[in-house]
Amino acid sequence: MDIKYSILIFLCLGTGLCTQAQEKRGRARDFGIFTGILKTGKANAITDVAGVKVGHATLIKGDSVRTGVTAIIPHDGNVFQEKLPAAVYVGNGFGKSMGLSQIKELGNLETPILLTNTLNAPIVANALLDYMLALPGNEKVRSVNAMVGETNDGGLNDIRGRHVKAEDVWRALKDAESGTVAEGNVGAGTGTEALGFKGGIGTSSRVLPLSKGGYTVGVLVQSNFGGVLQINGAPVGRELNNFYMMDKSKPYKADGSCMMIIATDAPLSDRNLERLAKRSYLAFGTVGAFSSNGSGDYSIAFSTYPKNRVPYVTNDKFRTIDDLNNDEMSPLFMAVWEATQEALLNSLFMAQDMKGINDRTVKALPIKKTIDILKKYHALDQNKLPMALEN
């Protein structure tokens, strides 16, 4: 047993967040689970798209605060002054996200994207407005479309307490970095649940071959939804006896929502970004989601391609952009489908048991049992198994 794993057990027991030692966690491909055929970026994260940064503020306090904020910053400059082409796809609209309608109407993203819980969305939006208005160059700005996504973490978190404050938002923005992204029980994923297990933040990326443009697609998810877990076609949720409508005597959380954030460096218009966003919803279904009545499931896609940025101030009456031909979009569609699947799986594999409000505990996906199921259904690449399994 390594030192990090020993520390994890000590912290887990010491804080009362779980009741027993947990399995060693890792990302899906650490255990031989490979989704699709395309290569990942260096970090296998949304941050593989150059300029994109991610930061978290995680709130775990007492016996009932299990929530936070996740910030996705699309480029290093002033996003309001240099807006990005963007699009929204609504899979199921049971949600309280803010800023979607203007993105839908104008095809622009003009702030970082922040994720949090449902009742904190207005508070987070207010803090994001303060942040944007204070940026150099925005002194005369009188209108900002703050983009805040949310899911309901009330199963583990005292959601009515609205514990996320402006300082937490600013911390997530300030701490945002490129490279490796923390996953699982962090930021906006601290108190979430997915497919009968502990959910959270997950991310992944894909890089197209040079013959297909060499573009990168990165996805970050906040998973908090129900269904019947499937991995590479294997009926994992059914085999683990943990799935929607399995037994009326066993409560199962089918509602909740999912936010899927997609970044790419490909030269795309907002029209083609919406087409890209739609494909993430296919991946949502591939892992076993079905979008219950009370699940707000949203995909937001943006392009960082420099020439296509939209200046806040311009004297030009016309705008010329680069936009891939429709026939060139299929490789990107596959990339977002693959990356979204793996991001969703990473959110489950990296999550840990969590005990929260009303002494309720949500267990993390049992990794060893899951691997055994995948072997049974020949859904595991055992030739690529770098991480040793531990109970």
Protein backbone atom coordinates (compact mmCIF):
# COMPACT_ATOMS: atom_id res chain seq x y z
CA MET A 1 0.00 0.00 0.00
CA ASP A 2 1.56 3.31 -1.03
CA ILE A 3 1.87 6.44 1.11
CA LYS A 4 -0.79 8.41 -0.81
CA TYR A 5 -3.31 5.62 -0.31
CA SER A 6 -2.52 5.48 3.44
CA ILE A 7 -3.04 9.23 3.72
CA LEU A 8 -6.34 8.92 1.88
CA ILE A 9 -7.59 6.32 4.37
CA PHE A 10 -6.48 8.47 7.33
CA LEU A 11 -8.16 11.59 5.98
CA CYS A 12 -11.28 9.70 5.00
CA LEU A 13 -11.74 8.21 8.45
CA GLY A 14 -10.54 11.29 10.27
CA THR A 15 -13.01 13.64 8.61
CA GLY A 16 -15.98 11.31 8.88
CA LEU A 17 -16.70 11.58 5.15
CA CYS A 18 -16.80 7.80 4.78
CA THR A 19 -17.09 4.80 7.02
CA GLN A 20 -14.40 2.46 5.73
CA ALA A 21 -11.18 2.40 3.76
CA GLN A 22 -11.82 2.97 0.08
CA GLU A 23 -10.39 1.36 -3.01
CA LYS A 24 -7.52 3.06 -4.71
CA ARG A 25 -9.05 5.44 -7.22
CA GLY A 26 -7.84 6.27 -10.70
CA ARG A 27 -9.01 7.40 -14.09
CA ALA A 28 -10.83 4.93 -16.34
CA ARG A 29 -7.87 4.22 -18.60
CA ASP A 30 -5.64 3.59 -15.57
CA PHE A 31 -7.60 0.36 -15.24
CA GLY A 32 -7.52 -0.63 -18.91
CA ILE A 33 -10.79 1.02 -19.95
CA PHE A 34 -10.29 2.71 -23.30
CA THR A 35 -13.09 4.55 -25.06
CA GLY A 36 -12.93 4.84 -28.82
CA ILE A 37 -9.98 4.91 -31.21
CA LEU A 38 -8.59 8.45 -31.13
CA LYS A 39 -5.56 9.57 -29.14
CA THR A 40 -5.88 11.84 -26.12
CA GLY A 41 -4.03 15.06 -25.47
CA LYS A 42 -1.11 15.22 -23.05
CA ALA A 43 -3.27 15.71 -19.93
CA ASN A 44 -6.33 13.91 -21.34
CA ALA A 45 -8.35 16.92 -20.20
CA ILE A 46 -10.22 19.95 -21.50
CA THR A 47 -7.03 21.91 -20.80
CA ASP A 48 -5.36 20.16 -23.74
CA VAL A 49 -7.10 22.83 -25.83
CA ALA A 50 -4.47 25.58 -25.70
CA GLY A 51 -5.36 28.49 -23.45
CA VAL A 52 -8.14 26.72 -21.53
CA LYS A 53 -7.76 26.64 -17.74
CA VAL A 54 -9.78 25.00 -14.96
CA GLY A 55 -10.04 25.90 -11.29
CA HIS A 56 -12.04 24.56 -8.36
CA ALA A 57 -13.24 25.77 -4.99
CA THR A 58 -14.34 22.79 -2.88
CA LEU A 59 -16.52 23.26 0.21
CA ILE A 60 -16.60 20.37 2.71
CA LYS A 61 -17.64 21.62 6.13
CA GLY A 62 -19.24 19.93 9.13
CA ASP A 63 -21.71 17.17 8.39
CA SER A 64 -23.80 18.81 5.68
CA VAL A 65 -21.82 21.18 3.40
CA ARG A 66 -20.74 19.28 0.30
CA THR A 67 -20.60 21.64 -2.66
CA GLY A 68 -18.37 24.05 -4.58
CA VAL A 69 -17.54 25.90 -7.79
CA THR A 70 -15.69 24.87 -10.94
CA ALA A 71 -14.40 27.55 -13.33
CA ILE A 72 -13.55 26.98 -17.00
CA ILE A 73 -11.59 29.93 -18.43
CA PRO A 74 -11.52 29.75 -22.26
CA HIS A 75 -8.46 31.90 -22.98
CA ASP A 76 -5.80 34.03 -21.30
CA GLY A 77 -7.20 37.41 -22.36
CA ASN A 78 -10.25 39.43 -21.44
CA VAL A 79 -13.06 37.14 -22.56
CA PHE A 80 -15.58 39.99 -22.71
CA GLN A 81 -13.37 42.05 -25.01
CA GLU A 82 -12.48 38.97 -27.10
CA LYS A 83 -15.60 36.85 -27.18
CA LEU A 84 -15.60 33.32 -28.51
CA PRO A 85 -17.96 31.54 -30.91
CA ALA A 86 -20.17 29.31 -28.78
CA ALA A 87 -23.33 27.25 -28.85
CA VAL A 88 -25.75 25.50 -26.52
CA TYR A 89 -27.62 22.23 -26.92
CA VAL A 90 -30.41 21.44 -24.48
CA GLY A 91 -31.01 17.72 -24.03
CA ASN A 92 -33.61 18.18 -21.29
CA GLY A 93 -34.41 21.67 -20.03
CA PHE A 94 -35.16 21.02 -16.35
CA GLY A 95 -32.42 23.40 -15.22
CA LYS A 96 -31.66 26.82 -13.80
CA SER A 97 -28.52 27.69 -15.71
CA MET A 98 -27.90 31.36 -16.45
CA GLY A 99 -26.70 32.95 -19.68
CA LEU A 100 -27.84 30.27 -22.13
CA SER A 101 -30.34 32.33 -24.11
CA GLN A 102 -27.87 35.00 -25.22
CA ILE A 103 -25.35 32.38 -26.31
CA LYS A 104 -28.14 30.72 -28.27
CA GLU A 105 -29.17 34.03 -29.84
CA LEU A 106 -25.80 35.64 -30.61
CA GLY A 107 -23.49 32.64 -30.78
CA ASN A 108 -20.96 34.24 -28.42
CA LEU A 109 -19.39 33.38 -25.07
CA GLU A 110 -18.17 36.47 -23.17
CA THR A 111 -17.29 35.18 -19.69
CA PRO A 112 -15.67 32.12 -18.17
CA ILE A 113 -18.09 29.23 -17.62
CA LEU A 114 -18.80 28.56 -13.95
CA LEU A 115 -20.47 25.44 -12.56
CA THR A 116 -22.09 25.14 -9.12
CA ASN A 117 -25.28 23.90 -7.44
CA THR A 118 -28.82 24.93 -8.34
CA LEU A 119 -29.62 27.42 -5.58
CA ASN A 120 -26.17 29.00 -5.72
CA ALA A 121 -26.37 29.88 -9.42
CA PRO A 122 -27.53 33.50 -8.84
CA ILE A 123 -24.88 34.08 -6.16
CA VAL A 124 -22.15 32.68 -8.40
CA ALA A 125 -23.40 34.79 -11.34
CA ASN A 126 -23.25 37.92 -9.21
CA ALA A 127 -19.65 37.17 -8.20
CA LEU A 128 -18.75 36.49 -11.83
CA LEU A 129 -20.22 39.87 -12.80
CA ASP A 130 -18.07 41.55 -10.15
CA TYR A 131 -15.03 39.73 -11.53
CA MET A 132 -15.75 40.70 -15.14
CA LEU A 133 -16.57 44.36 -14.42
CA ALA A 134 -13.32 44.73 -12.49
CA LEU A 135 -11.12 43.53 -15.37
CA PRO A 136 -8.93 46.22 -16.97
CA GLY A 137 -10.63 47.45 -20.12
CA ASN A 138 -14.16 46.80 -18.86
CA GLU A 139 -14.55 50.09 -16.97
CA LYS A 140 -17.37 51.31 -19.24
CA VAL A 141 -19.12 47.96 -19.73
CA ARG A 142 -22.80 48.09 -18.73
CA SER A 143 -24.02 44.62 -19.65
CA VAL A 144 -22.39 41.20 -19.21
CA ASN A 145 -23.89 37.79 -19.97
CA ALA A 146 -22.59 35.63 -17.12
CA MET A 147 -22.56 31.92 -17.98
CA VAL A 148 -23.32 29.74 -14.95
CA GLY A 149 -24.31 26.09 -15.13
CA GLU A 150 -25.68 24.04 -12.27
CA THR A 151 -26.84 20.67 -11.00
CA ASN A 152 -28.76 19.85 -7.81
CA ASP A 153 -26.46 18.39 -5.13
CA GLY A 154 -29.13 18.43 -2.41
CA GLY A 155 -28.86 14.70 -1.77
CA LEU A 156 -25.55 15.23 0.04
CA ASN A 157 -25.35 18.97 0.50
CA ASP A 158 -27.34 21.48 2.54
CA ILE A 159 -28.40 23.15 -0.68
CA ARG A 160 -30.83 25.55 1.01
CA GLY A 161 -27.92 27.00 2.95
CA ARG A 162 -26.44 28.41 -0.27
CA HIS A 163 -22.95 28.10 1.15
CA VAL A 164 -20.96 29.12 -1.93
CA LYS A 165 -19.90 32.74 -1.56
CA ALA A 166 -18.25 35.29 -3.83
CA GLU A 167 -14.85 34.54 -2.32
CA ASP A 168 -15.17 30.92 -3.41
CA VAL A 169 -15.96 31.97 -6.97
CA TRP A 170 -12.98 34.30 -7.10
CA ARG A 171 -10.74 31.58 -5.67
CA ALA A 172 -11.80 29.10 -8.37
CA LEU A 173 -11.06 31.71 -11.04
CA LYS A 174 -7.75 32.74 -9.48
CA ASP A 175 -6.57 29.14 -9.05
CA ALA A 176 -7.47 28.05 -12.59
CA GLU A 177 -4.57 26.34 -14.35
CA SER A 178 -3.75 24.49 -17.52
CA GLY A 179 -2.52 20.90 -17.46
CA THR A 180 -3.85 18.29 -15.05
CA VAL A 181 -7.42 18.83 -13.82
CA ALA A 182 -8.62 17.58 -10.42
CA GLU A 183 -11.58 15.21 -10.80
CA GLY A 184 -14.19 13.45 -8.69
CA ASN A 185 -15.31 15.07 -5.43
CA VAL A 186 -14.03 18.55 -6.24
CA GLY A 187 -15.55 21.91 -7.06
CA ALA A 188 -19.06 21.71 -8.47
CA GLY A 189 -18.87 17.91 -8.31
CA THR A 190 -18.32 17.69 -4.55
CA GLY A 191 -21.89 16.67 -3.71
CA THR A 192 -23.14 15.15 -6.97
CA GLU A 193 -24.34 11.61 -7.78
CA ALA A 194 -24.46 9.73 -11.07
CA LEU A 195 -25.94 6.44 -12.22
CA GLY A 196 -26.44 5.22 -8.65
CA PHE A 197 -22.93 6.06 -7.47
CA LYS A 198 -20.95 9.10 -6.36
CA GLY A 199 -20.54 11.43 -9.32
CA GLY A 200 -18.40 14.52 -9.73
CA ILE A 201 -16.12 16.34 -12.13
CA GLY A 202 -14.59 14.42 -15.01
CA THR A 203 -12.62 15.44 -18.08
CA SER A 204 -11.02 13.98 -21.20
CA SER A 205 -9.71 15.01 -24.62
CA ARG A 206 -9.12 13.74 -28.12
CA VAL A 207 -6.65 14.87 -30.79
CA LEU A 208 -7.43 14.29 -34.45
CA PRO A 209 -4.73 12.93 -36.76
CA LEU A 210 -3.02 15.55 -38.90
CA SER A 211 -4.78 14.19 -41.97
CA LYS A 212 -8.06 15.23 -40.31
CA GLY A 213 -6.81 18.64 -39.22
CA GLY A 214 -4.94 17.79 -36.01
CA TYR A 215 -7.54 19.63 -33.95
CA THR A 216 -8.10 19.03 -30.24
CA VAL A 217 -11.46 18.53 -28.54
CA GLY A 218 -11.68 18.66 -24.74
CA VAL A 219 -14.68 17.94 -22.52
CA LEU A 220 -15.40 18.60 -18.85
CA VAL A 221 -18.53 17.24 -17.16
CA GLN A 222 -20.38 17.77 -13.89
CA SER A 223 -22.17 14.42 -13.53
CA ASN A 224 -25.35 14.23 -11.45
CA PHE A 225 -27.94 12.01 -13.15
CA GLY A 226 -29.59 8.60 -13.15
CA GLY A 227 -29.91 5.62 -15.46
CA VAL A 228 -28.30 2.21 -15.88
CA LEU A 229 -24.50 2.37 -16.03
CA GLN A 230 -22.89 0.88 -19.14
CA ILE A 231 -19.18 0.80 -19.89
CA ASN A 232 -18.03 -0.19 -23.37
CA GLY A 233 -21.36 -1.97 -23.79
CA ALA A 234 -21.12 -3.98 -20.56
CA PRO A 235 -24.22 -3.74 -18.28
CA VAL A 236 -22.27 -2.67 -15.19
CA GLY A 237 -25.19 -1.08 -13.34
CA ARG A 238 -27.35 -4.14 -13.81
CA GLU A 239 -24.58 -6.51 -12.71
CA LEU A 240 -23.91 -4.39 -9.61
CA ASN A 241 -27.66 -4.35 -8.84
CA ASN A 242 -27.67 -0.56 -8.76
CA PHE A 243 -29.89 1.03 -11.39
CA TYR A 244 -33.07 3.02 -11.92
CA MET A 245 -36.34 1.15 -11.13
CA MET A 246 -34.44 -1.90 -9.85
CA ASP A 247 -36.38 -2.25 -6.58
CA LYS A 248 -38.95 0.04 -5.00
CA SER A 249 -37.52 -0.70 -1.56
CA LYS A 250 -34.14 0.74 -2.56
CA PRO A 251 -34.24 4.51 -3.17
CA TYR A 252 -32.49 5.59 -6.34
CA LYS A 253 -31.79 9.16 -7.45
CA ALA A 254 -32.82 9.42 -11.12
CA ASP A 255 -33.03 13.21 -11.33
CA GLY A 256 -30.22 15.68 -10.93
CA SER A 257 -28.75 17.04 -14.20
CA CYS A 258 -25.50 17.01 -16.16
CA MET A 259 -23.39 19.85 -17.54
CA MET A 260 -21.11 19.01 -20.47
CA ILE A 261 -18.59 21.70 -21.45
CA ILE A 262 -16.80 21.28 -24.78
CA ALA A 263 -13.75 23.20 -25.98
CA THR A 264 -11.99 22.92 -29.32
CA ASP A 265 -9.32 24.77 -31.26
CA ALA A 266 -10.98 23.88 -34.57
CA PRO A 267 -12.22 26.83 -36.67
CA LEU A 268 -15.97 26.53 -36.16
CA SER A 269 -18.95 28.85 -36.36
CA ASP A 270 -21.60 28.80 -33.67
CA ARG A 271 -23.74 26.73 -36.07
CA ASN A 272 -21.16 23.96 -36.28
CA LEU A 273 -20.45 24.24 -32.55
CA GLU A 274 -24.10 23.45 -31.90
CA ARG A 275 -23.79 20.40 -34.11
CA LEU A 276 -20.71 19.41 -32.09
CA ALA A 277 -22.56 19.89 -28.80
CA LYS A 278 -25.36 17.59 -29.94
CA ARG A 279 -22.92 14.70 -30.27
CA SER A 280 -21.98 14.90 -26.61
CA TYR A 281 -25.55 13.95 -25.85
CA LEU A 282 -25.03 10.69 -27.73
CA ALA A 283 -22.22 9.88 -25.31
CA PHE A 284 -24.48 10.76 -22.41
CA GLY A 285 -26.77 7.96 -23.53
CA THR A 286 -23.92 5.57 -24.26
CA VAL A 287 -22.94 5.44 -20.57
CA GLY A 288 -26.53 4.67 -19.57
CA ALA A 289 -28.25 8.03 -19.03
CA PHE A 290 -31.81 8.57 -20.27
CA SER A 291 -32.54 12.17 -19.18
CA SER A 292 -35.22 11.77 -16.56
CA ASN A 293 -37.97 14.34 -16.23
CA GLY A 294 -36.11 16.21 -13.49
CA SER A 295 -32.66 16.13 -15.10
CA GLY A 296 -31.37 19.34 -16.69
CA ASP A 297 -28.90 18.17 -19.30
CA TYR A 298 -26.95 20.83 -21.19
CA SER A 299 -23.99 20.92 -23.55
CA ILE A 300 -22.05 24.15 -24.11
CA ALA A 301 -19.40 24.23 -26.84
CA PHE A 302 -16.90 26.96 -27.71
CA SER A 303 -14.01 27.41 -30.12
CA THR A 304 -10.72 29.06 -29.18
CA TYR A 305 -9.60 29.52 -32.80
CA PRO A 306 -7.99 33.02 -32.68
CA LYS A 307 -9.24 34.41 -36.00
CA ASN A 308 -12.86 33.71 -35.06
CA ARG A 309 -12.86 35.70 -31.83
CA VAL A 310 -15.48 38.43 -31.68
CA PRO A 311 -14.16 41.86 -30.59
CA TYR A 312 -16.38 43.88 -28.28
CA VAL A 313 -15.39 47.09 -30.05
CA THR A 314 -14.98 47.18 -33.83
CA ASN A 315 -15.55 49.56 -36.74
CA ASP A 316 -16.06 46.71 -39.18
CA LYS A 317 -19.57 46.26 -40.54
CA PHE A 318 -18.84 42.74 -41.75
CA ARG A 319 -17.21 39.77 -40.10
CA THR A 320 -15.28 37.08 -41.90
CA ILE A 321 -14.51 33.83 -40.11
CA ASP A 322 -13.00 30.45 -40.88
CA ASP A 323 -15.52 27.64 -40.65
CA LEU A 324 -14.85 24.02 -41.51
CA ASN A 325 -16.96 22.63 -44.31
CA ASN A 326 -19.76 20.35 -43.16
CA ASP A 327 -18.01 17.37 -44.72
CA GLU A 328 -15.01 18.00 -42.43
CA MET A 329 -17.02 17.80 -39.21
CA SER A 330 -17.35 14.03 -38.80
CA PRO A 331 -13.93 13.46 -37.15
CA LEU A 332 -14.77 16.19 -34.61
CA PHE A 333 -18.12 14.54 -33.96
CA MET A 334 -16.34 11.29 -33.14
CA ALA A 335 -13.84 13.13 -30.94
CA VAL A 336 -16.51 14.76 -28.79
CA TRP A 337 -18.45 11.49 -28.53
CA GLU A 338 -15.35 9.65 -27.30
CA ALA A 339 -14.13 12.41 -24.97
CA THR A 340 -17.54 12.91 -23.36
CA GLN A 341 -17.89 9.21 -22.62
CA GLU A 342 -14.47 9.07 -20.99
CA ALA A 343 -15.05 12.29 -19.04
CA LEU A 344 -18.26 10.84 -17.60
CA LEU A 345 -16.48 7.61 -16.67
CA ASN A 346 -13.61 9.56 -15.10
CA SER A 347 -16.10 11.44 -12.93
CA LEU A 348 -17.22 8.08 -11.51
CA PHE A 349 -13.84 6.38 -11.23
CA MET A 350 -12.21 9.38 -9.54
CA ALA A 351 -15.06 10.00 -7.09
CA GLN A 352 -14.91 8.67 -3.55
CA ASP A 353 -17.53 7.66 -1.00
CA MET A 354 -19.21 10.73 0.44
CA LYS A 355 -21.23 11.14 3.63
CA GLY A 356 -23.32 14.27 3.82
CA ILE A 357 -26.54 15.82 5.04
CA ASN A 358 -28.88 13.67 7.18
CA ASP A 359 -26.05 11.13 7.59
CA ARG A 360 -26.64 9.96 4.03
CA THR A 361 -23.75 8.19 2.33
CA VAL A 362 -23.33 7.70 -1.40
CA LYS A 363 -20.83 5.01 -2.33
CA ALA A 364 -18.33 5.40 -5.11
CA LEU A 365 -18.29 2.99 -8.03
CA PRO A 366 -16.63 -0.25 -6.77
CA ILE A 367 -13.65 -0.47 -9.07
CA LYS A 368 -12.55 -4.07 -8.57
CA LYS A 369 -16.08 -5.42 -9.05
CA THR A 370 -16.48 -3.21 -12.11
CA ILE A 371 -13.25 -4.53 -13.63
CA ASP A 372 -14.41 -8.10 -13.03
CA ILE A 373 -17.68 -7.33 -14.85
CA LEU A 374 -15.82 -5.76 -17.77
CA LYS A 375 -13.61 -8.85 -18.03
CA LYS A 376 -16.72 -11.04 -18.04
CA TYR A 377 -18.13 -9.11 -21.00
CA HIS A 378 -14.76 -8.74 -22.76
CA ALA A 379 -15.03 -4.96 -22.45
CA LEU A 380 -11.58 -4.40 -20.95
CA ASP A 381 -8.26 -4.04 -22.73
CA GLN A 382 -6.15 -6.20 -20.42
CA ASN A 383 -3.04 -5.55 -22.50
CA LYS A 384 -3.08 -1.95 -21.25
CA LEU A 385 -3.46 -2.25 -17.49
CA PRO A 386 -0.76 -0.06 -15.88
CA MET A 387 -2.41 0.42 -12.48
CA ALA A 388 -2.53 -2.43 -9.96
CA LEU A 389 -5.93 -3.02 -8.40
CA GLU A 390 -6.23 -2.80 -4.63
CA ASN A 391 -9.14 -3.57 -2.34
